Amino acid sequence: MHEDSIGNGFLAAYAPGDMPAVFPPGTAKKVPKGAVLVFQMHYTPNGVEQDDRSSVGIIFAKEPPKFEAHTRSIDERRFLIPPGDKNHEVKSTTTFKKDAELLSLMPHMHLRGKDFEYNVVFPDGKKETLLRVPRYDFNWQSNYRLEKPLRLPAGTRIECTAHFDNSKDNPNNPNPKEAVRWGEQTWEEMMIGFVDYVYTGDGK
C-alpha cells in the first residue's frame, strides 16, 4: 500500500463544515498532463428523488510552484466497535521517511466519532500534541491549517488517537445494538487523520 494510502493522488475533498483547500504561496497540488479527475460522492438514498447541485472550482498557480503539496491519510481500517461501547479507542500512525513540512490536519470519522487527537513524535523522542478535537461533530468537520508550516525531520512519527461512542447516549448513533466496522456508509465508521504536507529536501 502507498504510504499516503487514501491520500495518494488525492486532489481535494469536502465534508460538512469544511473549508476549501488553500495552500501557502509557492505550494500547489499537481495535476499531471492527461490526468482524469474522478469525483466520488458519498450519498445515502432517502427514498425521495433529489437534485445534485455539486460543483468544483480549481484555481491554478500563477507561477511554477516550488513545492508540491501531498495528502496523507493516517488511517486504521481494522477495528470493531462493540455494541454499547461509550469510549472505544482506535489508533493509527505514520512515519515520514524524508524531511517534510506539515501544512494542515483534518480528522474524519462518522456518526459515532467522539474525539480525535494528533500527536507528533520527533526523531529525538520529543512529543507534542498538534491538535485535539474533544467534541467531534460529523456535521461540522474542519481542515485545521497551521499558522506556519511545522518542520518534520526524516523519521518523525505522527500518531492519531480516536474514540467512538456506540452507546444509546449518543443521539447521533444509528444503532447502538450493532457492532461497527470500517465502511463508506454513514452508519458504518471511518478512522482517518488526514494531513497535508510538502517534502522539503528536493522541492518535490
N, C-alpha and C. Protein backbone atom coordinates (compact mmCIF):
# COMPACT_ATOMS: atom_id res chain seq x y z
N MET A 1 0.84 -1.19 0.00
CA MET A 1 0.00 0.00 0.00
C MET A 1 0.88 1.25 0.00
N HIS A 2 0.50 2.24 -0.78
CA HIS A 2 1.23 3.50 -0.83
C HIS A 2 1.23 4.15 0.55
N GLU A 3 2.34 4.82 0.91
CA GLU A 3 2.45 5.39 2.26
C GLU A 3 1.38 6.45 2.53
N ASP A 4 0.85 7.09 1.47
CA ASP A 4 -0.21 8.08 1.67
C ASP A 4 -1.58 7.44 1.70
N SER A 5 -1.67 6.15 1.39
CA SER A 5 -2.90 5.38 1.45
C SER A 5 -4.01 6.08 0.68
N ILE A 6 -5.14 6.39 1.31
CA ILE A 6 -6.27 7.01 0.63
C ILE A 6 -5.87 8.35 0.02
N GLY A 7 -4.87 9.02 0.61
CA GLY A 7 -4.47 10.33 0.12
C GLY A 7 -3.66 10.30 -1.16
N ASN A 8 -3.23 9.13 -1.62
CA ASN A 8 -2.42 9.04 -2.82
C ASN A 8 -3.23 9.49 -4.04
N GLY A 9 -2.76 10.53 -4.74
CA GLY A 9 -3.49 11.05 -5.88
C GLY A 9 -4.69 11.89 -5.52
N PHE A 10 -4.78 12.26 -4.28
CA PHE A 10 -5.92 12.98 -3.70
C PHE A 10 -5.80 14.46 -4.04
N LEU A 11 -6.77 15.01 -4.76
CA LEU A 11 -6.73 16.42 -5.11
C LEU A 11 -7.37 17.27 -4.01
N ALA A 12 -8.59 16.96 -3.67
CA ALA A 12 -9.30 17.70 -2.62
C ALA A 12 -10.51 16.91 -2.18
N ALA A 13 -11.04 17.28 -1.02
CA ALA A 13 -12.25 16.64 -0.51
C ALA A 13 -13.11 17.69 0.17
N TYR A 14 -14.38 17.35 0.33
CA TYR A 14 -15.28 18.24 1.06
C TYR A 14 -16.15 17.42 1.98
N ALA A 15 -16.35 17.93 3.17
CA ALA A 15 -17.26 17.33 4.14
C ALA A 15 -18.03 18.48 4.79
N PRO A 16 -19.17 18.20 5.43
CA PRO A 16 -19.98 19.28 6.02
C PRO A 16 -19.14 20.17 6.94
N GLY A 17 -19.17 21.48 6.70
CA GLY A 17 -18.46 22.43 7.54
C GLY A 17 -17.04 22.72 7.10
N ASP A 18 -16.54 21.99 6.10
CA ASP A 18 -15.15 22.13 5.72
C ASP A 18 -14.91 23.39 4.90
N MET A 19 -13.64 23.81 4.84
CA MET A 19 -13.22 24.95 4.05
C MET A 19 -12.53 24.45 2.78
N PRO A 20 -12.38 25.31 1.77
CA PRO A 20 -11.67 24.88 0.56
C PRO A 20 -10.20 24.62 0.87
N ALA A 21 -9.57 23.81 0.03
CA ALA A 21 -8.13 23.54 0.18
C ALA A 21 -7.35 24.73 -0.37
N VAL A 22 -6.61 25.40 0.50
CA VAL A 22 -5.79 26.54 0.11
C VAL A 22 -4.38 26.30 0.64
N PHE A 23 -3.38 26.44 -0.22
CA PHE A 23 -2.01 26.14 0.16
C PHE A 23 -1.18 27.42 0.24
N PRO A 24 -0.08 27.38 0.99
CA PRO A 24 0.78 28.57 1.12
C PRO A 24 1.35 28.99 -0.24
N PRO A 25 1.77 30.25 -0.37
CA PRO A 25 2.40 30.71 -1.61
C PRO A 25 3.58 29.81 -1.98
N GLY A 26 3.67 29.49 -3.27
CA GLY A 26 4.75 28.63 -3.73
C GLY A 26 4.48 27.16 -3.59
N THR A 27 3.27 26.80 -3.16
CA THR A 27 2.88 25.40 -2.95
C THR A 27 1.58 25.11 -3.68
N ALA A 28 1.50 23.95 -4.34
CA ALA A 28 0.29 23.59 -5.07
C ALA A 28 0.19 22.08 -5.22
N LYS A 29 -1.03 21.60 -5.46
CA LYS A 29 -1.23 20.21 -5.83
C LYS A 29 -0.92 20.05 -7.31
N LYS A 30 -0.40 18.90 -7.69
CA LYS A 30 -0.05 18.64 -9.08
C LYS A 30 -1.13 17.83 -9.78
N VAL A 31 -1.58 18.32 -10.93
CA VAL A 31 -2.48 17.56 -11.79
C VAL A 31 -1.68 17.21 -13.04
N PRO A 32 -1.20 15.98 -13.17
CA PRO A 32 -0.34 15.62 -14.30
C PRO A 32 -1.07 15.75 -15.64
N LYS A 33 -0.32 16.01 -16.68
CA LYS A 33 -0.88 16.06 -18.02
C LYS A 33 -1.58 14.74 -18.34
N GLY A 34 -2.79 14.84 -18.87
CA GLY A 34 -3.55 13.64 -19.24
C GLY A 34 -4.28 12.99 -18.08
N ALA A 35 -4.20 13.61 -16.88
CA ALA A 35 -4.87 13.03 -15.71
C ALA A 35 -6.39 13.05 -15.89
N VAL A 36 -7.04 12.08 -15.29
CA VAL A 36 -8.50 12.02 -15.28
C VAL A 36 -8.96 12.35 -13.86
N LEU A 37 -9.85 13.34 -13.72
CA LEU A 37 -10.36 13.71 -12.42
C LEU A 37 -11.59 12.86 -12.11
N VAL A 38 -11.55 12.16 -11.00
CA VAL A 38 -12.65 11.29 -10.59
C VAL A 38 -13.30 11.89 -9.35
N PHE A 39 -14.60 12.09 -9.40
CA PHE A 39 -15.34 12.65 -8.28
C PHE A 39 -16.15 11.54 -7.62
N GLN A 40 -15.87 11.31 -6.35
CA GLN A 40 -16.58 10.27 -5.61
C GLN A 40 -17.54 10.94 -4.63
N MET A 41 -18.83 10.66 -4.78
CA MET A 41 -19.85 11.26 -3.92
C MET A 41 -20.36 10.20 -2.95
N HIS A 42 -20.39 10.54 -1.67
CA HIS A 42 -20.91 9.61 -0.65
C HIS A 42 -22.33 10.05 -0.29
N TYR A 43 -23.29 9.49 -1.00
CA TYR A 43 -24.70 9.80 -0.75
C TYR A 43 -25.40 8.60 -0.13
N THR A 44 -26.41 8.87 0.66
CA THR A 44 -27.26 7.82 1.21
C THR A 44 -28.69 8.06 0.74
N PRO A 45 -29.30 7.13 -0.02
CA PRO A 45 -30.66 7.34 -0.51
C PRO A 45 -31.65 7.51 0.65
N ASN A 46 -32.65 8.38 0.44
CA ASN A 46 -33.68 8.57 1.45
C ASN A 46 -35.07 8.26 0.92
N GLY A 47 -35.13 7.67 -0.28
CA GLY A 47 -36.42 7.28 -0.84
C GLY A 47 -37.12 8.36 -1.63
N VAL A 48 -36.53 9.55 -1.69
CA VAL A 48 -37.13 10.67 -2.41
C VAL A 48 -36.14 11.18 -3.45
N GLU A 49 -36.62 11.42 -4.67
CA GLU A 49 -35.74 11.92 -5.72
C GLU A 49 -35.18 13.29 -5.35
N GLN A 50 -33.87 13.45 -5.55
CA GLN A 50 -33.20 14.69 -5.18
C GLN A 50 -32.41 15.25 -6.37
N ASP A 51 -32.12 16.55 -6.32
CA ASP A 51 -31.25 17.19 -7.31
C ASP A 51 -29.86 17.34 -6.73
N ASP A 52 -28.85 17.04 -7.55
CA ASP A 52 -27.45 17.20 -7.14
C ASP A 52 -26.93 18.51 -7.72
N ARG A 53 -26.53 19.43 -6.85
CA ARG A 53 -26.04 20.72 -7.29
C ARG A 53 -24.54 20.89 -6.98
N SER A 54 -23.84 19.79 -6.84
CA SER A 54 -22.41 19.83 -6.53
C SER A 54 -21.63 20.50 -7.66
N SER A 55 -20.60 21.22 -7.29
CA SER A 55 -19.72 21.84 -8.28
C SER A 55 -18.31 21.88 -7.72
N VAL A 56 -17.33 22.03 -8.59
CA VAL A 56 -15.93 22.04 -8.17
C VAL A 56 -15.24 23.25 -8.79
N GLY A 57 -14.45 23.95 -8.00
CA GLY A 57 -13.68 25.08 -8.52
C GLY A 57 -12.20 24.85 -8.29
N ILE A 58 -11.39 25.10 -9.31
CA ILE A 58 -9.95 24.92 -9.22
C ILE A 58 -9.26 26.24 -9.57
N ILE A 59 -8.34 26.68 -8.73
CA ILE A 59 -7.54 27.87 -9.01
C ILE A 59 -6.13 27.41 -9.35
N PHE A 60 -5.64 27.75 -10.52
CA PHE A 60 -4.32 27.32 -10.95
C PHE A 60 -3.25 28.30 -10.46
N ALA A 61 -2.08 27.75 -10.15
CA ALA A 61 -0.96 28.58 -9.69
C ALA A 61 -0.54 29.54 -10.80
N LYS A 62 -0.29 30.79 -10.45
CA LYS A 62 0.11 31.79 -11.44
C LYS A 62 1.58 31.64 -11.85
N GLU A 63 2.38 31.01 -10.99
CA GLU A 63 3.79 30.77 -11.27
C GLU A 63 4.10 29.32 -10.93
N PRO A 64 5.14 28.75 -11.54
CA PRO A 64 5.51 27.38 -11.20
C PRO A 64 5.79 27.26 -9.70
N PRO A 65 5.10 26.37 -9.00
CA PRO A 65 5.29 26.26 -7.55
C PRO A 65 6.64 25.63 -7.20
N LYS A 66 7.14 26.01 -6.03
CA LYS A 66 8.40 25.44 -5.54
C LYS A 66 8.17 24.08 -4.90
N PHE A 67 7.02 23.92 -4.25
CA PHE A 67 6.73 22.68 -3.54
C PHE A 67 5.42 22.07 -4.03
N GLU A 68 5.39 20.75 -4.07
CA GLU A 68 4.17 20.02 -4.40
C GLU A 68 3.49 19.55 -3.11
N ALA A 69 2.26 19.94 -2.92
CA ALA A 69 1.51 19.53 -1.73
C ALA A 69 1.02 18.09 -1.89
N HIS A 70 1.11 17.34 -0.80
CA HIS A 70 0.63 15.95 -0.76
C HIS A 70 -0.39 15.81 0.36
N THR A 71 -1.26 14.83 0.21
CA THR A 71 -2.22 14.49 1.26
C THR A 71 -1.96 13.05 1.70
N ARG A 72 -1.82 12.86 2.99
CA ARG A 72 -1.63 11.51 3.55
C ARG A 72 -2.77 11.19 4.49
N SER A 73 -3.29 9.98 4.39
CA SER A 73 -4.34 9.55 5.31
C SER A 73 -3.74 8.60 6.34
N ILE A 74 -3.71 9.04 7.57
CA ILE A 74 -3.19 8.21 8.66
C ILE A 74 -4.39 7.43 9.20
N ASP A 75 -4.66 6.30 8.60
CA ASP A 75 -5.92 5.60 8.87
C ASP A 75 -5.69 4.22 9.49
N GLU A 76 -6.72 3.75 10.16
CA GLU A 76 -6.77 2.38 10.68
C GLU A 76 -8.13 1.80 10.28
N ARG A 77 -8.08 0.74 9.48
CA ARG A 77 -9.33 0.16 8.96
C ARG A 77 -9.72 -1.13 9.67
N ARG A 78 -8.81 -1.69 10.45
CA ARG A 78 -9.10 -2.95 11.12
C ARG A 78 -9.52 -2.68 12.56
N PHE A 79 -10.79 -2.42 12.74
CA PHE A 79 -11.32 -2.20 14.08
C PHE A 79 -12.73 -2.75 14.17
N LEU A 80 -13.17 -2.98 15.38
CA LEU A 80 -14.53 -3.44 15.64
C LEU A 80 -15.01 -2.73 16.91
N ILE A 81 -16.02 -1.88 16.76
CA ILE A 81 -16.56 -1.13 17.89
C ILE A 81 -17.72 -1.94 18.47
N PRO A 82 -17.60 -2.45 19.70
CA PRO A 82 -18.64 -3.30 20.27
C PRO A 82 -19.95 -2.53 20.49
N PRO A 83 -21.08 -3.23 20.49
CA PRO A 83 -22.36 -2.59 20.79
C PRO A 83 -22.33 -1.95 22.18
N GLY A 84 -22.85 -0.74 22.27
CA GLY A 84 -22.97 -0.06 23.57
C GLY A 84 -21.70 0.54 24.12
N ASP A 85 -20.57 0.40 23.45
CA ASP A 85 -19.29 0.92 23.95
C ASP A 85 -19.28 2.44 23.85
N LYS A 86 -19.10 3.12 24.99
CA LYS A 86 -19.14 4.58 25.04
C LYS A 86 -17.83 5.26 24.66
N ASN A 87 -16.73 4.51 24.70
CA ASN A 87 -15.44 5.16 24.56
C ASN A 87 -14.42 4.23 23.91
N HIS A 88 -14.77 3.70 22.74
CA HIS A 88 -13.89 2.73 22.09
C HIS A 88 -12.72 3.46 21.43
N GLU A 89 -11.50 3.02 21.71
CA GLU A 89 -10.30 3.69 21.21
C GLU A 89 -9.72 2.99 19.98
N VAL A 90 -9.35 3.80 18.99
CA VAL A 90 -8.68 3.30 17.79
C VAL A 90 -7.47 4.20 17.52
N LYS A 91 -6.32 3.61 17.21
CA LYS A 91 -5.10 4.37 16.97
C LYS A 91 -4.58 4.11 15.56
N SER A 92 -3.88 5.10 15.02
CA SER A 92 -3.19 4.94 13.74
C SER A 92 -1.91 5.76 13.79
N THR A 93 -0.96 5.42 12.93
CA THR A 93 0.33 6.11 12.96
C THR A 93 0.98 6.09 11.59
N THR A 94 1.86 7.07 11.33
CA THR A 94 2.64 7.10 10.10
C THR A 94 4.00 7.70 10.42
N THR A 95 5.00 7.33 9.64
CA THR A 95 6.34 7.88 9.80
C THR A 95 6.80 8.51 8.50
N PHE A 96 7.33 9.72 8.58
CA PHE A 96 7.86 10.41 7.41
C PHE A 96 9.30 10.00 7.20
N LYS A 97 9.57 9.44 6.03
CA LYS A 97 10.91 8.91 5.74
C LYS A 97 11.85 9.98 5.20
N LYS A 98 11.28 11.12 4.77
CA LYS A 98 12.08 12.23 4.26
C LYS A 98 11.69 13.51 4.98
N ASP A 99 12.57 14.50 4.96
CA ASP A 99 12.26 15.80 5.57
C ASP A 99 11.01 16.37 4.94
N ALA A 100 10.12 16.90 5.78
CA ALA A 100 8.85 17.42 5.30
C ALA A 100 8.42 18.60 6.16
N GLU A 101 7.39 19.29 5.69
CA GLU A 101 6.73 20.33 6.47
C GLU A 101 5.23 20.05 6.48
N LEU A 102 4.64 20.12 7.66
CA LEU A 102 3.22 19.86 7.83
C LEU A 102 2.43 21.14 7.61
N LEU A 103 1.36 21.07 6.81
CA LEU A 103 0.57 22.24 6.47
C LEU A 103 -0.77 22.28 7.18
N SER A 104 -1.45 21.13 7.27
CA SER A 104 -2.79 21.12 7.86
C SER A 104 -3.18 19.72 8.30
N LEU A 105 -4.26 19.65 9.10
CA LEU A 105 -4.77 18.38 9.62
C LEU A 105 -6.29 18.37 9.52
N MET A 106 -6.84 17.19 9.21
CA MET A 106 -8.29 17.07 9.16
C MET A 106 -8.71 15.69 9.65
N PRO A 107 -9.26 15.61 10.86
CA PRO A 107 -9.76 14.32 11.35
C PRO A 107 -11.08 13.95 10.67
N HIS A 108 -11.26 12.66 10.42
CA HIS A 108 -12.50 12.22 9.78
C HIS A 108 -13.01 10.93 10.43
N MET A 109 -14.24 11.01 10.94
CA MET A 109 -14.97 9.85 11.44
C MET A 109 -16.41 10.02 10.99
N HIS A 110 -17.29 9.12 11.43
CA HIS A 110 -18.69 9.23 11.08
C HIS A 110 -19.51 9.56 12.33
N LEU A 111 -20.75 9.03 12.40
CA LEU A 111 -21.69 9.48 13.42
C LEU A 111 -21.36 9.04 14.84
N ARG A 112 -20.51 8.05 14.98
CA ARG A 112 -20.13 7.60 16.32
C ARG A 112 -18.82 8.24 16.80
N GLY A 113 -18.23 9.08 15.94
CA GLY A 113 -17.00 9.76 16.31
C GLY A 113 -17.19 10.64 17.53
N LYS A 114 -16.30 10.52 18.50
CA LYS A 114 -16.42 11.23 19.78
C LYS A 114 -15.31 12.28 19.95
N ASP A 115 -14.07 11.89 19.76
CA ASP A 115 -12.96 12.83 19.86
C ASP A 115 -11.79 12.32 19.03
N PHE A 116 -10.85 13.24 18.73
CA PHE A 116 -9.73 12.89 17.87
C PHE A 116 -8.53 13.72 18.28
N GLU A 117 -7.34 13.08 18.28
CA GLU A 117 -6.12 13.78 18.70
C GLU A 117 -4.95 13.38 17.81
N TYR A 118 -4.15 14.40 17.42
CA TYR A 118 -2.90 14.18 16.69
C TYR A 118 -1.74 14.50 17.62
N ASN A 119 -0.75 13.61 17.66
CA ASN A 119 0.49 13.86 18.37
C ASN A 119 1.66 13.61 17.43
N VAL A 120 2.72 14.42 17.57
CA VAL A 120 3.91 14.23 16.76
C VAL A 120 5.06 13.79 17.66
N VAL A 121 5.82 12.81 17.21
CA VAL A 121 6.99 12.33 17.93
C VAL A 121 8.20 12.54 17.02
N PHE A 122 9.10 13.44 17.43
CA PHE A 122 10.27 13.76 16.63
C PHE A 122 11.36 12.70 16.81
N PRO A 123 12.33 12.65 15.89
CA PRO A 123 13.38 11.62 15.97
C PRO A 123 14.14 11.62 17.30
N ASP A 124 14.22 12.79 17.98
CA ASP A 124 14.94 12.84 19.26
C ASP A 124 14.07 12.40 20.44
N GLY A 125 12.83 11.96 20.15
CA GLY A 125 11.94 11.48 21.19
C GLY A 125 10.98 12.52 21.73
N LYS A 126 11.18 13.77 21.38
CA LYS A 126 10.28 14.83 21.86
C LYS A 126 8.88 14.63 21.28
N LYS A 127 7.87 14.80 22.13
CA LYS A 127 6.49 14.57 21.72
C LYS A 127 5.65 15.82 21.98
N GLU A 128 4.81 16.17 21.01
CA GLU A 128 3.94 17.33 21.14
C GLU A 128 2.54 16.98 20.64
N THR A 129 1.53 17.61 21.23
CA THR A 129 0.17 17.48 20.72
C THR A 129 -0.06 18.55 19.66
N LEU A 130 -0.43 18.11 18.47
CA LEU A 130 -0.66 19.03 17.35
C LEU A 130 -2.09 19.54 17.33
N LEU A 131 -3.04 18.65 17.61
CA LEU A 131 -4.45 19.01 17.54
C LEU A 131 -5.25 18.09 18.44
N ARG A 132 -6.18 18.69 19.16
CA ARG A 132 -7.11 17.91 19.99
C ARG A 132 -8.52 18.42 19.72
N VAL A 133 -9.37 17.53 19.21
CA VAL A 133 -10.78 17.86 18.96
C VAL A 133 -11.59 17.08 19.98
N PRO A 134 -11.96 17.70 21.10
CA PRO A 134 -12.60 16.96 22.19
C PRO A 134 -14.06 16.61 21.95
N ARG A 135 -14.73 17.35 21.05
CA ARG A 135 -16.14 17.07 20.75
C ARG A 135 -16.31 17.03 19.23
N TYR A 136 -15.93 15.92 18.65
CA TYR A 136 -16.02 15.77 17.20
C TYR A 136 -17.47 15.81 16.76
N ASP A 137 -17.74 16.49 15.65
CA ASP A 137 -19.09 16.61 15.12
C ASP A 137 -19.06 16.29 13.63
N PHE A 138 -19.70 15.20 13.24
CA PHE A 138 -19.72 14.77 11.84
C PHE A 138 -20.33 15.85 10.94
N ASN A 139 -21.25 16.64 11.48
CA ASN A 139 -21.93 17.66 10.69
C ASN A 139 -21.15 18.97 10.59
N TRP A 140 -19.99 19.04 11.23
CA TRP A 140 -19.19 20.25 11.17
C TRP A 140 -17.71 19.87 11.20
N GLN A 141 -17.25 19.27 10.11
CA GLN A 141 -15.86 18.84 10.01
C GLN A 141 -15.02 19.99 9.47
N SER A 142 -13.77 20.02 9.88
CA SER A 142 -12.94 21.15 9.50
C SER A 142 -11.51 20.73 9.21
N ASN A 143 -10.89 21.46 8.28
CA ASN A 143 -9.48 21.30 7.99
C ASN A 143 -8.73 22.35 8.81
N TYR A 144 -7.88 21.91 9.71
CA TYR A 144 -7.16 22.81 10.62
C TYR A 144 -5.81 23.17 10.02
N ARG A 145 -5.69 24.40 9.53
CA ARG A 145 -4.45 24.85 8.90
C ARG A 145 -3.50 25.42 9.94
N LEU A 146 -2.24 25.02 9.85
CA LEU A 146 -1.23 25.56 10.76
C LEU A 146 -0.92 27.01 10.39
N GLU A 147 -0.70 27.83 11.41
CA GLU A 147 -0.37 29.23 11.16
C GLU A 147 0.91 29.35 10.34
N LYS A 148 1.87 28.46 10.61
CA LYS A 148 3.06 28.36 9.78
C LYS A 148 3.44 26.88 9.71
N PRO A 149 4.00 26.43 8.57
CA PRO A 149 4.33 25.01 8.42
C PRO A 149 5.23 24.50 9.55
N LEU A 150 4.99 23.26 9.96
CA LEU A 150 5.79 22.63 11.01
C LEU A 150 6.82 21.70 10.38
N ARG A 151 8.08 21.92 10.72
CA ARG A 151 9.16 21.10 10.18
C ARG A 151 9.11 19.69 10.77
N LEU A 152 9.15 18.70 9.88
CA LEU A 152 9.14 17.29 10.28
C LEU A 152 10.41 16.63 9.74
N PRO A 153 11.46 16.53 10.55
CA PRO A 153 12.68 15.86 10.07
C PRO A 153 12.39 14.40 9.72
N ALA A 154 13.17 13.85 8.81
CA ALA A 154 13.02 12.44 8.46
C ALA A 154 13.02 11.58 9.71
N GLY A 155 12.10 10.65 9.80
CA GLY A 155 11.97 9.80 10.98
C GLY A 155 10.90 10.28 11.95
N THR A 156 10.30 11.44 11.69
CA THR A 156 9.23 11.94 12.55
C THR A 156 7.98 11.08 12.39
N ARG A 157 7.32 10.82 13.49
CA ARG A 157 6.12 9.99 13.50
C ARG A 157 4.90 10.82 13.94
N ILE A 158 3.79 10.65 13.27
CA ILE A 158 2.54 11.26 13.71
C ILE A 158 1.61 10.16 14.17
N GLU A 159 1.10 10.31 15.38
CA GLU A 159 0.20 9.32 15.98
C GLU A 159 -1.19 9.93 16.13
N CYS A 160 -2.20 9.20 15.72
CA CYS A 160 -3.59 9.63 15.84
C CYS A 160 -4.34 8.71 16.80
N THR A 161 -5.15 9.31 17.66
CA THR A 161 -5.97 8.54 18.60
C THR A 161 -7.40 9.04 18.51
N ALA A 162 -8.33 8.13 18.27
CA ALA A 162 -9.75 8.49 18.17
C ALA A 162 -10.56 7.65 19.14
N HIS A 163 -11.66 8.22 19.61
CA HIS A 163 -12.62 7.49 20.43
C HIS A 163 -14.00 7.56 19.79
N PHE A 164 -14.73 6.45 19.93
CA PHE A 164 -16.06 6.33 19.34
C PHE A 164 -17.08 6.03 20.43
N ASP A 165 -18.27 6.61 20.28
CA ASP A 165 -19.38 6.38 21.22
C ASP A 165 -20.47 5.60 20.50
N ASN A 166 -20.52 4.30 20.77
CA ASN A 166 -21.52 3.43 20.15
C ASN A 166 -22.63 3.09 21.13
N SER A 167 -22.88 4.00 22.07
CA SER A 167 -23.89 3.75 23.10
C SER A 167 -25.21 4.44 22.76
N LYS A 168 -26.23 4.13 23.53
CA LYS A 168 -27.53 4.77 23.36
C LYS A 168 -27.51 6.23 23.80
N ASP A 169 -26.46 6.62 24.53
CA ASP A 169 -26.35 8.02 24.98
C ASP A 169 -25.89 8.95 23.86
N ASN A 170 -25.42 8.38 22.76
CA ASN A 170 -25.03 9.17 21.60
C ASN A 170 -26.27 9.41 20.74
N PRO A 171 -26.80 10.64 20.70
CA PRO A 171 -28.05 10.90 19.97
C PRO A 171 -27.92 10.71 18.46
N ASN A 172 -26.69 10.69 17.94
CA ASN A 172 -26.48 10.51 16.50
C ASN A 172 -26.28 9.06 16.11
N ASN A 173 -26.24 8.17 17.09
CA ASN A 173 -25.93 6.76 16.83
C ASN A 173 -27.06 6.08 16.05
N PRO A 174 -26.78 5.56 14.86
CA PRO A 174 -27.83 4.90 14.07
C PRO A 174 -28.39 3.64 14.74
N ASN A 175 -27.50 2.91 15.45
CA ASN A 175 -27.97 1.68 16.09
C ASN A 175 -26.95 1.23 17.13
N PRO A 176 -27.19 1.53 18.42
CA PRO A 176 -26.23 1.17 19.47
C PRO A 176 -26.16 -0.34 19.75
N LYS A 177 -27.04 -1.12 19.11
CA LYS A 177 -27.06 -2.56 19.34
C LYS A 177 -26.18 -3.31 18.34
N GLU A 178 -25.62 -2.58 17.38
CA GLU A 178 -24.79 -3.23 16.37
C GLU A 178 -23.31 -3.00 16.60
N ALA A 179 -22.50 -4.02 16.29
CA ALA A 179 -21.05 -3.85 16.25
C ALA A 179 -20.71 -3.12 14.95
N VAL A 180 -19.71 -2.26 14.98
CA VAL A 180 -19.44 -1.38 13.84
C VAL A 180 -18.02 -1.60 13.33
N ARG A 181 -17.89 -1.69 12.00
CA ARG A 181 -16.59 -1.82 11.36
C ARG A 181 -16.39 -0.67 10.37
N TRP A 182 -15.22 -0.68 9.72
CA TRP A 182 -14.90 0.31 8.69
C TRP A 182 -15.89 0.19 7.52
N GLY A 183 -16.31 1.32 6.98
CA GLY A 183 -17.16 1.31 5.80
C GLY A 183 -17.45 2.72 5.32
N GLU A 184 -17.86 2.86 4.07
CA GLU A 184 -18.09 4.18 3.49
C GLU A 184 -19.46 4.76 3.83
N GLN A 185 -20.40 3.92 4.21
CA GLN A 185 -21.72 4.44 4.56
C GLN A 185 -21.68 5.14 5.93
N THR A 186 -22.55 6.12 6.12
CA THR A 186 -22.53 6.90 7.35
C THR A 186 -22.80 6.04 8.59
N TRP A 187 -23.62 4.99 8.44
CA TRP A 187 -23.90 4.14 9.60
C TRP A 187 -22.75 3.19 9.92
N GLU A 188 -21.75 3.15 9.05
CA GLU A 188 -20.51 2.44 9.35
C GLU A 188 -19.53 3.48 9.91
N GLU A 189 -18.25 3.13 10.03
CA GLU A 189 -17.32 4.10 10.60
C GLU A 189 -16.02 4.19 9.81
N MET A 190 -15.35 5.29 9.99
CA MET A 190 -14.01 5.50 9.46
C MET A 190 -13.15 6.11 10.56
N MET A 191 -11.85 5.88 10.45
CA MET A 191 -10.89 6.50 11.37
C MET A 191 -9.72 6.96 10.51
N ILE A 192 -9.72 8.25 10.15
CA ILE A 192 -8.69 8.80 9.28
C ILE A 192 -8.19 10.12 9.84
N GLY A 193 -6.88 10.24 9.95
CA GLY A 193 -6.28 11.53 10.26
C GLY A 193 -5.60 12.05 9.01
N PHE A 194 -6.31 12.85 8.23
CA PHE A 194 -5.71 13.41 7.01
C PHE A 194 -4.68 14.47 7.40
N VAL A 195 -3.59 14.55 6.64
CA VAL A 195 -2.62 15.63 6.79
C VAL A 195 -2.20 16.09 5.40
N ASP A 196 -2.01 17.39 5.23
CA ASP A 196 -1.39 17.95 4.02
C ASP A 196 0.05 18.32 4.37
N TYR A 197 0.97 18.06 3.45
CA TYR A 197 2.39 18.30 3.74
C TYR A 197 3.16 18.48 2.43
N VAL A 198 4.39 18.94 2.55
CA VAL A 198 5.31 19.00 1.42
C VAL A 198 6.63 18.36 1.83
N TYR A 199 7.33 17.77 0.86
CA TYR A 199 8.71 17.34 1.09
C TYR A 199 9.61 18.54 0.83
N THR A 200 10.57 18.74 1.71
CA THR A 200 11.40 19.95 1.62
C THR A 200 12.81 19.69 1.10
N GLY A 201 13.25 18.47 1.13
CA GLY A 201 14.62 18.18 0.75
C GLY A 201 14.93 18.43 -0.71
N ASP A 202 13.96 18.07 -1.60
CA ASP A 202 14.22 18.19 -3.03
C ASP A 202 13.19 19.08 -3.72
N GLY A 203 12.34 19.74 -2.93
CA GLY A 203 11.36 20.63 -3.52
C GLY A 203 10.26 19.92 -4.27
N LYS A 204 10.08 18.61 -4.02
CA LYS A 204 9.04 17.85 -4.71
C LYS A 204 7.89 17.52 -3.77
